C-alpha atoms as a PDB file:
ATOM      1  CA  UNK A   1       0.050  -0.007   0.040  1.00  0.00           C
ATOM      2  CA  UNK A   2       1.524   3.259  -1.051  1.00  0.00           C
ATOM      3  CA  UNK A   3       0.772   5.263   1.945  1.00  0.00           C
ATOM      4  CA  UNK A   4       2.839   2.922   4.179  1.00  0.00           C
ATOM      5  CA  UNK A   5       6.079   4.287   2.512  1.00  0.00           C
ATOM      6  CA  UNK A   6       5.557   7.161   4.699  1.00  0.00           C
ATOM      7  CA  UNK A   7       4.677   5.724   8.051  1.00  0.00           C
ATOM      8  CA  UNK A   8       6.202   2.880   9.914  1.00  0.00           C
ATOM      9  CA  UNK A   9       4.469   1.430  12.909  1.00  0.00           C
ATOM     10  CA  UNK A  10       5.962  -1.201  15.209  1.00  0.00           C
ATOM     11  CA  UNK A  11       3.899  -2.819  18.049  1.00  0.00           C
ATOM     12  CA  UNK A  12       5.588  -4.435  20.887  1.00  0.00           C
ATOM     13  CA  UNK A  13       4.782  -8.073  21.750  1.00  0.00           C
ATOM     14  CA  UNK A  14       2.858  -8.344  24.978  1.00  0.00           C
ATOM     15  CA  UNK A  15       3.841 -12.055  25.206  1.00  0.00           C
ATOM     16  CA  UNK A  16       7.448 -11.106  25.371  1.00  0.00           C
ATOM     17  CA  UNK A  17       6.818  -8.472  28.026  1.00  0.00           C
ATOM     18  CA  UNK A  18       8.631  -8.789  31.377  1.00  0.00           C
ATOM     19  CA  UNK A  19       6.646  -9.608  34.409  1.00  0.00           C
ATOM     20  CA  UNK A  20       5.756  -6.787  36.752  1.00  0.00           C
ATOM     21  CA  UNK A  21       7.669  -6.951  40.160  1.00  0.00           C
ATOM     22  CA  UNK A  22       4.642  -6.903  42.623  1.00  0.00           C
ATOM     23  CA  UNK A  23       6.901  -6.070  45.555  1.00  0.00           C
ATOM     24  CA  UNK A  24       7.411  -2.690  43.977  1.00  0.00           C
ATOM     25  CA  UNK A  25       3.661  -1.950  43.492  1.00  0.00           C
ATOM     26  CA  UNK A  26       2.270   1.338  44.556  1.00  0.00           C
ATOM     27  CA  UNK A  27      -0.691   1.230  46.919  1.00  0.00           C
ATOM     28  CA  UNK A  28      -4.013   0.987  45.344  1.00  0.00           C
ATOM     29  CA  UNK A  29      -5.550   3.937  43.443  1.00  0.00           C
ATOM     30  CA  UNK A  30      -8.390   5.433  45.156  1.00  0.00           C
ATOM     31  CA  UNK A  31     -11.554   7.084  43.673  1.00  0.00           C
ATOM     32  CA  UNK A  32      -9.758  10.326  44.339  1.00  0.00           C
ATOM     33  CA  UNK A  33      -6.195   9.907  43.650  1.00  0.00           C
ATOM     34  CA  UNK A  34      -4.669  13.378  43.170  1.00  0.00           C
ATOM     35  CA  UNK A  35      -5.017  17.003  44.206  1.00  0.00           C
ATOM     36  CA  UNK A  36      -6.220  16.135  47.658  1.00  0.00           C
ATOM     37  CA  UNK A  37      -3.291  17.275  49.628  1.00  0.00           C
ATOM     38  CA  UNK A  38      -1.081  14.192  49.058  1.00  0.00           C
ATOM     39  CA  UNK A  39       1.286  16.152  46.798  1.00  0.00           C
ATOM     40  CA  UNK A  40       2.128  18.514  49.616  1.00  0.00           C
ATOM     41  CA  UNK A  41       2.329  15.536  51.994  1.00  0.00           C
ATOM     42  CA  UNK A  42       4.785  14.054  49.564  1.00  0.00           C
ATOM     43  CA  UNK A  43       7.089  17.070  49.771  1.00  0.00           C
ATOM     44  CA  UNK A  44       7.153  16.893  53.571  1.00  0.00           C
ATOM     45  CA  UNK A  45       7.685  13.236  53.501  1.00  0.00           C
ATOM     46  CA  UNK A  46      10.798  13.504  51.303  1.00  0.00           C
ATOM     47  CA  UNK A  47      12.109  16.695  53.185  1.00  0.00           C
ATOM     48  CA  UNK A  48      11.762  15.101  56.682  1.00  0.00           C
ATOM     49  CA  UNK A  49      12.763  11.528  55.821  1.00  0.00           C
ATOM     50  CA  UNK A  50      15.004   9.994  58.376  1.00  0.00           C
ATOM     51  CA  UNK A  51      17.780   9.600  55.577  1.00  0.00           C
ATOM     52  CA  UNK A  52      17.382  13.347  54.638  1.00  0.00           C
ATOM     53  CA  UNK A  53      21.215  13.980  54.759  1.00  0.00           C
ATOM     54  CA  UNK A  54      21.657  11.138  52.238  1.00  0.00           C
ATOM     55  CA  UNK A  55      18.731  11.977  50.039  1.00  0.00           C
ATOM     56  CA  UNK A  56      19.144  15.689  49.719  1.00  0.00           C
ATOM     57  CA  UNK A  57      21.166  16.455  46.450  1.00  0.00           C
ATOM     58  CA  UNK A  58      20.760  12.964  45.051  1.00  0.00           C
ATOM     59  CA  UNK A  59      18.136  12.669  42.266  1.00  0.00           C
ATOM     60  CA  UNK A  60      18.227   8.882  42.480  1.00  0.00           C
ATOM     61  CA  UNK A  61      17.530   8.963  46.305  1.00  0.00           C
ATOM     62  CA  UNK A  62      14.788  11.551  45.985  1.00  0.00           C
ATOM     63  CA  UNK A  63      13.056   9.219  43.494  1.00  0.00           C
ATOM     64  CA  UNK A  64      13.469   6.298  45.811  1.00  0.00           C
ATOM     65  CA  UNK A  65      11.753   8.484  48.600  1.00  0.00           C
ATOM     66  CA  UNK A  66       8.994   9.351  46.117  1.00  0.00           C
ATOM     67  CA  UNK A  67       8.482   5.540  45.417  1.00  0.00           C
ATOM     68  CA  UNK A  68       8.546   4.838  49.066  1.00  0.00           C
ATOM     69  CA  UNK A  69       5.763   7.303  49.747  1.00  0.00           C
ATOM     70  CA  UNK A  70       3.600   5.874  46.988  1.00  0.00           C
ATOM     71  CA  UNK A  71       4.189   2.345  48.139  1.00  0.00           C
ATOM     72  CA  UNK A  72       3.523   2.827  51.794  1.00  0.00           C
ATOM     73  CA  UNK A  73       1.297   6.006  52.105  1.00  0.00           C
ATOM     74  CA  UNK A  74      -0.895   7.098  49.088  1.00  0.00           C
ATOM     75  CA  UNK A  75      -0.878   6.387  45.285  1.00  0.00           C
ATOM     76  CA  UNK A  76       0.771   8.766  43.012  1.00  0.00           C
ATOM     77  CA  UNK A  77       0.214   9.066  39.221  1.00  0.00           C
ATOM     78  CA  UNK A  78       3.866   8.719  38.377  1.00  0.00           C
ATOM     79  CA  UNK A  79       5.441   7.326  35.320  1.00  0.00           C
ATOM     80  CA  UNK A  80       7.110   4.851  37.682  1.00  0.00           C
ATOM     81  CA  UNK A  81      10.239   2.721  37.290  1.00  0.00           C
ATOM     82  CA  UNK A  82       9.227   0.451  34.522  1.00  0.00           C
ATOM     83  CA  UNK A  83       7.977   2.948  31.899  1.00  0.00           C
ATOM     84  CA  UNK A  84      10.650   5.400  33.174  1.00  0.00           C
ATOM     85  CA  UNK A  85      13.331   3.008  32.172  1.00  0.00           C
ATOM     86  CA  UNK A  86      12.067   2.918  28.597  1.00  0.00           C
ATOM     87  CA  UNK A  87      12.539   6.617  28.389  1.00  0.00           C
ATOM     88  CA  UNK A  88      15.838   6.893  30.171  1.00  0.00           C
ATOM     89  CA  UNK A  89      17.335   4.240  27.940  1.00  0.00           C
ATOM     90  CA  UNK A  90      16.384   6.258  24.944  1.00  0.00           C
ATOM     91  CA  UNK A  91      17.995   9.378  26.583  1.00  0.00           C
ATOM     92  CA  UNK A  92      21.169   7.552  27.124  1.00  0.00           C
ATOM     93  CA  UNK A  93      21.356   6.155  23.560  1.00  0.00           C
ATOM     94  CA  UNK A  94      20.404   9.533  21.882  1.00  0.00           C
ATOM     95  CA  UNK A  95      21.757  12.159  24.192  1.00  0.00           C
ATOM     96  CA  UNK A  96      19.226  14.979  23.590  1.00  0.00           C
ATOM     97  CA  UNK A  97      20.515  18.432  24.313  1.00  0.00           C
ATOM     98  CA  UNK A  98      17.073  19.823  24.855  1.00  0.00           C
ATOM     99  CA  UNK A  99      14.245  17.884  26.477  1.00  0.00           C
ATOM    100  CA  UNK A 100      10.851  19.179  27.114  1.00  0.00           C
ATOM    101  CA  UNK A 101       8.094  17.469  29.241  1.00  0.00           C
ATOM    102  CA  UNK A 102       4.411  18.243  28.971  1.00  0.00           C
ATOM    103  CA  UNK A 103       2.975  17.558  32.469  1.00  0.00           C
ATOM    104  CA  UNK A 104       5.165  17.195  35.482  1.00  0.00           C
ATOM    105  CA  UNK A 105       2.648  16.406  38.240  1.00  0.00           C
ATOM    106  CA  UNK A 106       4.916  15.865  41.317  1.00  0.00           C
ATOM    107  CA  UNK A 107       8.238  15.974  39.473  1.00  0.00           C
ATOM    108  CA  UNK A 108       9.003  12.258  39.299  1.00  0.00           C
ATOM    109  CA  UNK A 109       9.493  12.241  35.508  1.00  0.00           C
ATOM    110  CA  UNK A 110      11.083  15.638  35.707  1.00  0.00           C
ATOM    111  CA  UNK A 111      13.738  14.488  38.245  1.00  0.00           C
ATOM    112  CA  UNK A 112      14.318  11.030  36.494  1.00  0.00           C
ATOM    113  CA  UNK A 113      14.486  12.371  33.093  1.00  0.00           C
ATOM    114  CA  UNK A 114      16.213  15.590  33.857  1.00  0.00           C
ATOM    115  CA  UNK A 115      18.962  13.973  35.867  1.00  0.00           C
ATOM    116  CA  UNK A 116      19.531  11.513  32.880  1.00  0.00           C
ATOM    117  CA  UNK A 117      19.603  14.277  30.320  1.00  0.00           C
ATOM    118  CA  UNK A 118      22.223  16.060  32.403  1.00  0.00           C
ATOM    119  CA  UNK A 119      24.329  12.992  32.889  1.00  0.00           C
ATOM    120  CA  UNK A 120      24.244  12.387  29.132  1.00  0.00           C
ATOM    121  CA  UNK A 121      25.639  15.891  28.530  1.00  0.00           C
ATOM    122  CA  UNK A 122      22.425  17.807  27.723  1.00  0.00           C
ATOM    123  CA  UNK A 123      21.891  21.441  28.131  1.00  0.00           C
ATOM    124  CA  UNK A 124      18.374  21.970  29.483  1.00  0.00           C
ATOM    125  CA  UNK A 125      15.316  20.213  30.692  1.00  0.00           C
ATOM    126  CA  UNK A 126      11.893  22.121  30.551  1.00  0.00           C
ATOM    127  CA  UNK A 127       9.001  20.883  32.568  1.00  0.00           C
ATOM    128  CA  UNK A 128       5.466  22.407  31.537  1.00  0.00           C
ATOM    129  CA  UNK A 129       3.049  22.114  34.268  1.00  0.00           C
ATOM    130  CA  UNK A 130      -0.516  23.583  34.098  1.00  0.00           C
ATOM    131  CA  UNK A 131      -1.208  23.588  37.845  1.00  0.00           C
ATOM    132  CA  UNK A 132       0.537  26.141  40.035  1.00  0.00           C
ATOM    133  CA  UNK A 133       0.119  23.878  42.923  1.00  0.00           C
ATOM    134  CA  UNK A 134       1.894  20.951  41.203  1.00  0.00           C
ATOM    135  CA  UNK A 135       4.546  23.330  39.716  1.00  0.00           C
ATOM    136  CA  UNK A 136       5.444  24.316  43.355  1.00  0.00           C
ATOM    137  CA  UNK A 137       5.709  20.535  44.265  1.00  0.00           C
ATOM    138  CA  UNK A 138       7.982  19.861  41.308  1.00  0.00           C
ATOM    139  CA  UNK A 139      10.128  23.143  41.931  1.00  0.00           C
ATOM    140  CA  UNK A 140      10.539  21.970  45.679  1.00  0.00           C
ATOM    141  CA  UNK A 141      11.520  18.509  44.871  1.00  0.00           C
ATOM    142  CA  UNK A 142      13.775  19.419  41.977  1.00  0.00           C
ATOM    143  CA  UNK A 143      15.651  21.969  44.176  1.00  0.00           C
ATOM    144  CA  UNK A 144      15.867  19.235  46.955  1.00  0.00           C
ATOM    145  CA  UNK A 145      17.377  16.840  44.408  1.00  0.00           C
ATOM    146  CA  UNK A 146      19.983  19.515  43.336  1.00  0.00           C
ATOM    147  CA  UNK A 147      18.690  19.864  39.918  1.00  0.00           C
ATOM    148  CA  UNK A 148      17.384  23.425  39.988  1.00  0.00           C
ATOM    149  CA  UNK A 149      20.085  24.857  37.833  1.00  0.00           C
ATOM    150  CA  UNK A 150      19.416  22.536  35.001  1.00  0.00           C
ATOM    151  CA  UNK A 151      15.597  22.065  35.073  1.00  0.00           C
ATOM    152  CA  UNK A 152      13.272  25.004  34.513  1.00  0.00           C
ATOM    153  CA  UNK A 153       9.588  24.644  35.467  1.00  0.00           C
ATOM    154  CA  UNK A 154       7.083  26.678  33.360  1.00  0.00           C
ATOM    155  CA  UNK A 155       3.560  27.135  34.828  1.00  0.00           C
ATOM    156  CA  UNK A 156       0.495  27.329  32.698  1.00  0.00           C
ATOM    157  CA  UNK A 157      -1.405  25.623  29.867  1.00  0.00           C
ATOM    158  CA  UNK A 158       0.960  23.392  27.894  1.00  0.00           C
ATOM    159  CA  UNK A 159       0.198  25.296  24.580  1.00  0.00           C
ATOM    160  CA  UNK A 160       1.126  28.690  26.141  1.00  0.00           C
ATOM    161  CA  UNK A 161       4.233  27.198  27.577  1.00  0.00           C
ATOM    162  CA  UNK A 162       5.322  25.775  24.188  1.00  0.00           C
ATOM    163  CA  UNK A 163       4.656  29.246  22.622  1.00  0.00           C
ATOM    164  CA  UNK A 164       6.703  30.759  25.536  1.00  0.00           C
ATOM    165  CA  UNK A 165       9.621  28.454  24.864  1.00  0.00           C
ATOM    166  CA  UNK A 166       9.600  29.440  21.170  1.00  0.00           C
ATOM    167  CA  UNK A 167       9.281  33.272  21.785  1.00  0.00           C
ATOM    168  CA  UNK A 168      12.266  32.989  24.113  1.00  0.00           C
ATOM    169  CA  UNK A 169      14.477  31.441  21.440  1.00  0.00           C
ATOM    170  CA  UNK A 170      13.943  27.793  21.462  1.00  0.00           C
ATOM    171  CA  UNK A 171      14.161  26.547  17.845  1.00  0.00           C
ATOM    172  CA  UNK A 172      14.247  22.625  18.142  1.00  0.00           C
ATOM    173  CA  UNK A 173      13.224  20.041  20.650  1.00  0.00           C
ATOM    174  CA  UNK A 174      15.388  16.961  20.749  1.00  0.00           C
ATOM    175  CA  UNK A 175      12.917  14.940  22.809  1.00  0.00           C
ATOM    176  CA  UNK A 176       9.487  15.551  23.988  1.00  0.00           C
ATOM    177  CA  UNK A 177       7.730  13.509  26.800  1.00  0.00           C
ATOM    178  CA  UNK A 178       3.912  13.820  26.764  1.00  0.00           C
ATOM    179  CA  UNK A 179       2.084  12.905  29.967  1.00  0.00           C
ATOM    180  CA  UNK A 180      -0.458  15.688  30.509  1.00  0.00           C
ATOM    181  CA  UNK A 181      -4.113  16.340  29.631  1.00  0.00           C
ATOM    182  CA  UNK A 182      -4.630  13.306  27.195  1.00  0.00           C
ATOM    183  CA  UNK A 183      -6.792  15.178  24.439  1.00  0.00           C
ATOM    184  CA  UNK A 184      -3.981  17.812  24.193  1.00  0.00           C
ATOM    185  CA  UNK A 185      -1.193  15.145  23.039  1.00  0.00           C
ATOM    186  CA  UNK A 186      -2.233  15.622  19.329  1.00  0.00           C
ATOM    187  CA  UNK A 187      -2.839  19.292  19.410  1.00  0.00           C
ATOM    188  CA  UNK A 188       0.347  20.321  21.303  1.00  0.00           C
ATOM    189  CA  UNK A 189       2.347  18.115  19.028  1.00  0.00           C
ATOM    190  CA  UNK A 190       0.781  19.870  15.992  1.00  0.00           C
ATOM    191  CA  UNK A 191       1.577  23.210  17.662  1.00  0.00           C
ATOM    192  CA  UNK A 192       5.262  22.027  17.918  1.00  0.00           C
ATOM    193  CA  UNK A 193       5.273  21.104  14.269  1.00  0.00           C
ATOM    194  CA  UNK A 194       3.858  24.516  13.175  1.00  0.00           C
ATOM    195  CA  UNK A 195       6.460  26.287  15.227  1.00  0.00           C
ATOM    196  CA  UNK A 196       9.144  24.072  13.513  1.00  0.00           C
ATOM    197  CA  UNK A 197      10.177  22.678  16.792  1.00  0.00           C
ATOM    198  CA  UNK A 198      10.041  19.047  15.431  1.00  0.00           C
ATOM    199  CA  UNK A 199      13.195  18.321  13.383  1.00  0.00           C
ATOM    200  CA  UNK A 200      14.658  15.308  11.821  1.00  0.00           C
ATOM    201  CA  UNK A 201      15.905  13.221  14.703  1.00  0.00           C
ATOM    202  CA  UNK A 202      13.395  14.652  17.235  1.00  0.00           C
ATOM    203  CA  UNK A 203      11.923  11.774  19.554  1.00  0.00           C
ATOM    204  CA  UNK A 204       8.584  11.776  21.029  1.00  0.00           C
ATOM    205  CA  UNK A 205       7.703   9.587  24.193  1.00  0.00           C
ATOM    206  CA  UNK A 206       4.046   9.441  24.930  1.00  0.00           C
ATOM    207  CA  UNK A 207       2.772   7.884  28.311  1.00  0.00           C
ATOM    208  CA  UNK A 208      -0.502   6.411  29.041  1.00  0.00           C
ATOM    209  CA  UNK A 209      -1.327   5.167  25.470  1.00  0.00           C
ATOM    210  CA  UNK A 210      -2.869   1.978  26.721  1.00  0.00           C
ATOM    211  CA  UNK A 211      -4.140   2.982  30.005  1.00  0.00           C
ATOM    212  CA  UNK A 212      -6.255   5.091  29.836  1.00  0.00           C
ATOM    213  CA  UNK A 213      -5.363   5.254  26.099  1.00  0.00           C
ATOM    214  CA  UNK A 214      -4.941   7.901  23.499  1.00  0.00           C
ATOM    215  CA  UNK A 215      -6.485   6.945  20.048  1.00  0.00           C
ATOM    216  CA  UNK A 216      -6.370  10.280  18.461  1.00  0.00           C
ATOM    217  CA  UNK A 217      -2.572  10.711  19.112  1.00  0.00           C
ATOM    218  CA  UNK A 218      -1.746   7.184  18.104  1.00  0.00           C
ATOM    219  CA  UNK A 219      -3.709   7.623  14.909  1.00  0.00           C
ATOM    220  CA  UNK A 220      -1.832  10.762  14.038  1.00  0.00           C
ATOM    221  CA  UNK A 221       1.803   9.672  14.697  1.00  0.00           C
ATOM    222  CA  UNK A 222       0.950   6.401  12.931  1.00  0.00           C
ATOM    223  CA  UNK A 223      -0.589   7.973   9.994  1.00  0.00           C
ATOM    224  CA  UNK A 224       1.235   8.413   6.591  1.00  0.00           C
ATOM    225  CA  UNK A 225       1.741  11.830   5.060  1.00  0.00           C
ATOM    226  CA  UNK A 226      -1.164  11.200   2.597  1.00  0.00           C
ATOM    227  CA  UNK A 227      -3.378  10.117   5.386  1.00  0.00           C
ATOM    228  CA  UNK A 228      -2.645  13.220   7.475  1.00  0.00           C
ATOM    229  CA  UNK A 229      -3.368  15.410   4.468  1.00  0.00           C
ATOM    230  CA  UNK A 230      -6.706  13.654   3.748  1.00  0.00           C
ATOM    231  CA  UNK A 231      -7.605  14.157   7.418  1.00  0.00           C
ATOM    232  CA  UNK A 232      -7.051  17.925   6.996  1.00  0.00           C
ATOM    233  CA  UNK A 233      -9.859  18.058   4.435  1.00  0.00           C
ATOM    234  CA  UNK A 234     -12.356  16.740   7.059  1.00  0.00           C
ATOM    235  CA  UNK A 235     -14.053  18.915   9.878  1.00  0.00           C
ATOM    236  CA  UNK A 236     -11.748  19.349  12.686  1.00  0.00           C
ATOM    237  CA  UNK A 237     -13.300  19.238  16.209  1.00  0.00           C
ATOM    238  CA  UNK A 238     -12.378  18.134  19.584  1.00  0.00           C
ATOM    239  CA  UNK A 239     -13.110  14.402  19.813  1.00  0.00           C
ATOM    240  CA  UNK A 240     -13.223  13.107  23.396  1.00  0.00           C
ATOM    241  CA  UNK A 241     -15.045   9.926  22.432  1.00  0.00           C
ATOM    242  CA  UNK A 242     -11.873   7.835  22.274  1.00  0.00           C
ATOM    243  CA  UNK A 243     -10.810   8.749  25.769  1.00  0.00           C
ATOM    244  CA  UNK A 244     -11.889   7.437  29.052  1.00  0.00           C
ATOM    245  CA  UNK A 245     -14.173   9.925  30.840  1.00  0.00           C
ATOM    246  CA  UNK A 246     -11.688  10.593  33.533  1.00  0.00           C
ATOM    247  CA  UNK A 247      -9.087  11.467  30.928  1.00  0.00           C
ATOM    248  CA  UNK A 248     -11.404  13.970  29.201  1.00  0.00           C
ATOM    249  CA  UNK A 249     -12.587  15.557  32.344  1.00  0.00           C
ATOM    250  CA  UNK A 250      -9.699  14.905  34.762  1.00  0.00           C
ATOM    251  CA  UNK A 251      -8.896  18.637  35.447  1.00  0.00           C
ATOM    252  CA  UNK A 252     -12.619  19.763  36.047  1.00  0.00           C
ATOM    253  CA  UNK A 253     -14.045  19.524  32.621  1.00  0.00           C
ATOM    254  CA  UNK A 254     -13.342  19.220  28.921  1.00  0.00           C
ATOM    255  CA  UNK A 255     -10.639  21.759  28.088  1.00  0.00           C
ATOM    256  CA  UNK A 256     -10.901  24.097  25.218  1.00  0.00           C
ATOM    257  CA  UNK A 257      -8.129  23.009  22.734  1.00  0.00           C
ATOM    258  CA  UNK A 258      -7.051  24.624  19.393  1.00  0.00           C
ATOM    259  CA  UNK A 259      -8.582  22.155  16.898  1.00  0.00           C
ATOM    260  CA  UNK A 260      -7.735  24.541  14.031  1.00  0.00           C
ATOM    261  CA  UNK A 261      -4.016  23.633  14.199  1.00  0.00           C
ATOM    262  CA  UNK A 262      -2.891  21.824  11.092  1.00  0.00           C
ATOM    263  CA  UNK A 263       0.527  20.694  12.146  1.00  0.00           C
ATOM    264  CA  UNK A 264       3.001  19.785   9.478  1.00  0.00           C
ATOM    265  CA  UNK A 265       1.530  16.832   7.616  1.00  0.00           C
ATOM    266  CA  UNK A 266       4.707  16.442   5.539  1.00  0.00           C
ATOM    267  CA  UNK A 267       6.666  15.163   8.542  1.00  0.00           C
ATOM    268  CA  UNK A 268       7.461  11.456   8.419  1.00  0.00           C
ATOM    269  CA  UNK A 269       7.361   9.553  11.728  1.00  0.00           C
ATOM    270  CA  UNK A 270       8.427   6.146  12.654  1.00  0.00           C
ATOM    271  CA  UNK A 271       6.436   4.864  15.770  1.00  0.00           C
ATOM    272  CA  UNK A 272       6.716   2.040  18.149  1.00  0.00           C
ATOM    273  CA  UNK A 273       4.594   0.917  21.104  1.00  0.00           C
ATOM    274  CA  UNK A 274       6.642  -0.353  23.874  1.00  0.00           C
ATOM    275  CA  UNK A 275       4.584  -2.456  26.465  1.00  0.00           C
ATOM    276  CA  UNK A 276       5.126  -1.857  30.164  1.00  0.00           C
ATOM    277  CA  UNK A 277       3.315  -1.348  33.350  1.00  0.00           C
ATOM    278  CA  UNK A 278       1.957   1.452  35.544  1.00  0.00           C
ATOM    279  CA  UNK A 279       3.736   1.606  38.936  1.00  0.00           C
ATOM    280  CA  UNK A 280       0.510  -0.102  40.306  1.00  0.00           C
ATOM    281  CA  UNK A 281       1.126  -3.025  37.960  1.00  0.00           C
ATOM    282  CA  UNK A 282      -1.651  -2.280  35.445  1.00  0.00           C
ATOM    283  CA  UNK A 283      -0.572  -2.779  31.801  1.00  0.00           C
ATOM    284  CA  UNK A 284       0.251   0.272  29.898  1.00  0.00           C
ATOM    285  CA  UNK A 285       2.676   1.276  27.227  1.00  0.00           C
ATOM    286  CA  UNK A 286       4.892   4.136  25.933  1.00  0.00           C
ATOM    287  CA  UNK A 287       4.675   5.226  22.276  1.00  0.00           C
ATOM    288  CA  UNK A 288       8.180   6.014  21.032  1.00  0.00           C
ATOM    289  CA  UNK A 289       7.938   8.056  17.861  1.00  0.00           C
ATOM    290  CA  UNK A 290      10.948   9.386  15.861  1.00  0.00           C
ATOM    291  CA  UNK A 291      10.920  12.095  13.155  1.00  0.00           C
ATOM    292  CA  UNK A 292      12.856  10.726  10.259  1.00  0.00           C
ATOM    293  CA  UNK A 293      12.509  13.761   7.972  1.00  0.00           C
ATOM    294  CA  UNK A 294       9.913  15.294   5.746  1.00  0.00           C
ATOM    295  CA  UNK A 295       8.520  14.497   2.265  1.00  0.00           C
ATOM    296  CA  UNK A 296      11.016  15.771  -0.325  1.00  0.00           C
ATOM    297  CA  UNK A 297      10.108  19.136  -1.701  1.00  0.00           C
ATOM    298  CA  UNK A 298       8.272  20.284   1.617  1.00  0.00           C
ATOM    299  CA  UNK A 299       9.694  22.981   3.827  1.00  0.00           C
ATOM    300  CA  UNK A 300      12.712  21.873   5.901  1.00  0.00           C
END
């Protein structure tokens, strides 16, 4: 089929997936599992830990303390060790200079990936977090881990943060981690494309593409150039039908997103689903997508 020349999709084999280590499982997720004071409790737990002197200034030990809280106190919606290792391995292999994450929550991914980027010789890690409350938690824990000089936290809606980075001189993103409002994955990627931040070699890592799932994003990064151009001819509207209700309304209601964004349909992606687990043991996966160029004759 001709269109497949412009889109390569690889799907991980669940049968070959490693088993989840139940001894590392977070406590059960409650009906209300975030924004109920646990995030502030986490900061105090880490700061007042009996091993504070060993933890402070060590990103790895701060992460261990965060995991300890989530395994013994209350559930945290972190990327966790298993999925986190997928992304850190890619960072080590590709050595991105600039990495951006959309959605930082409590700073687990921020500290894990930011410290890995720094160790790999990178220049900067940006964490875009819409909630001022969560951004404060991220900032406090990043500072406690000794990463405040390398990581910058930007507060506000993700699209505004992306625009701000571009306005301040950012011209390309080497690696982008998406773990925020699920319906915004595709629209924010399209915004990055329109701002020419996605270049040949850019790597995208999208969390939660199985649990709770993100069909519109997967369709976009797995589509050929021809398929994306054909899609642009159709009416564009925010479609939340493909999302679990808690994903579409997680932050108090369906958010207004810019569905007029066209992105750059000429970009060619290779995409692969890597199966893994939530820190609770629930099966999930990370979609790893690489920009391998643009259709010849399109803008560079």
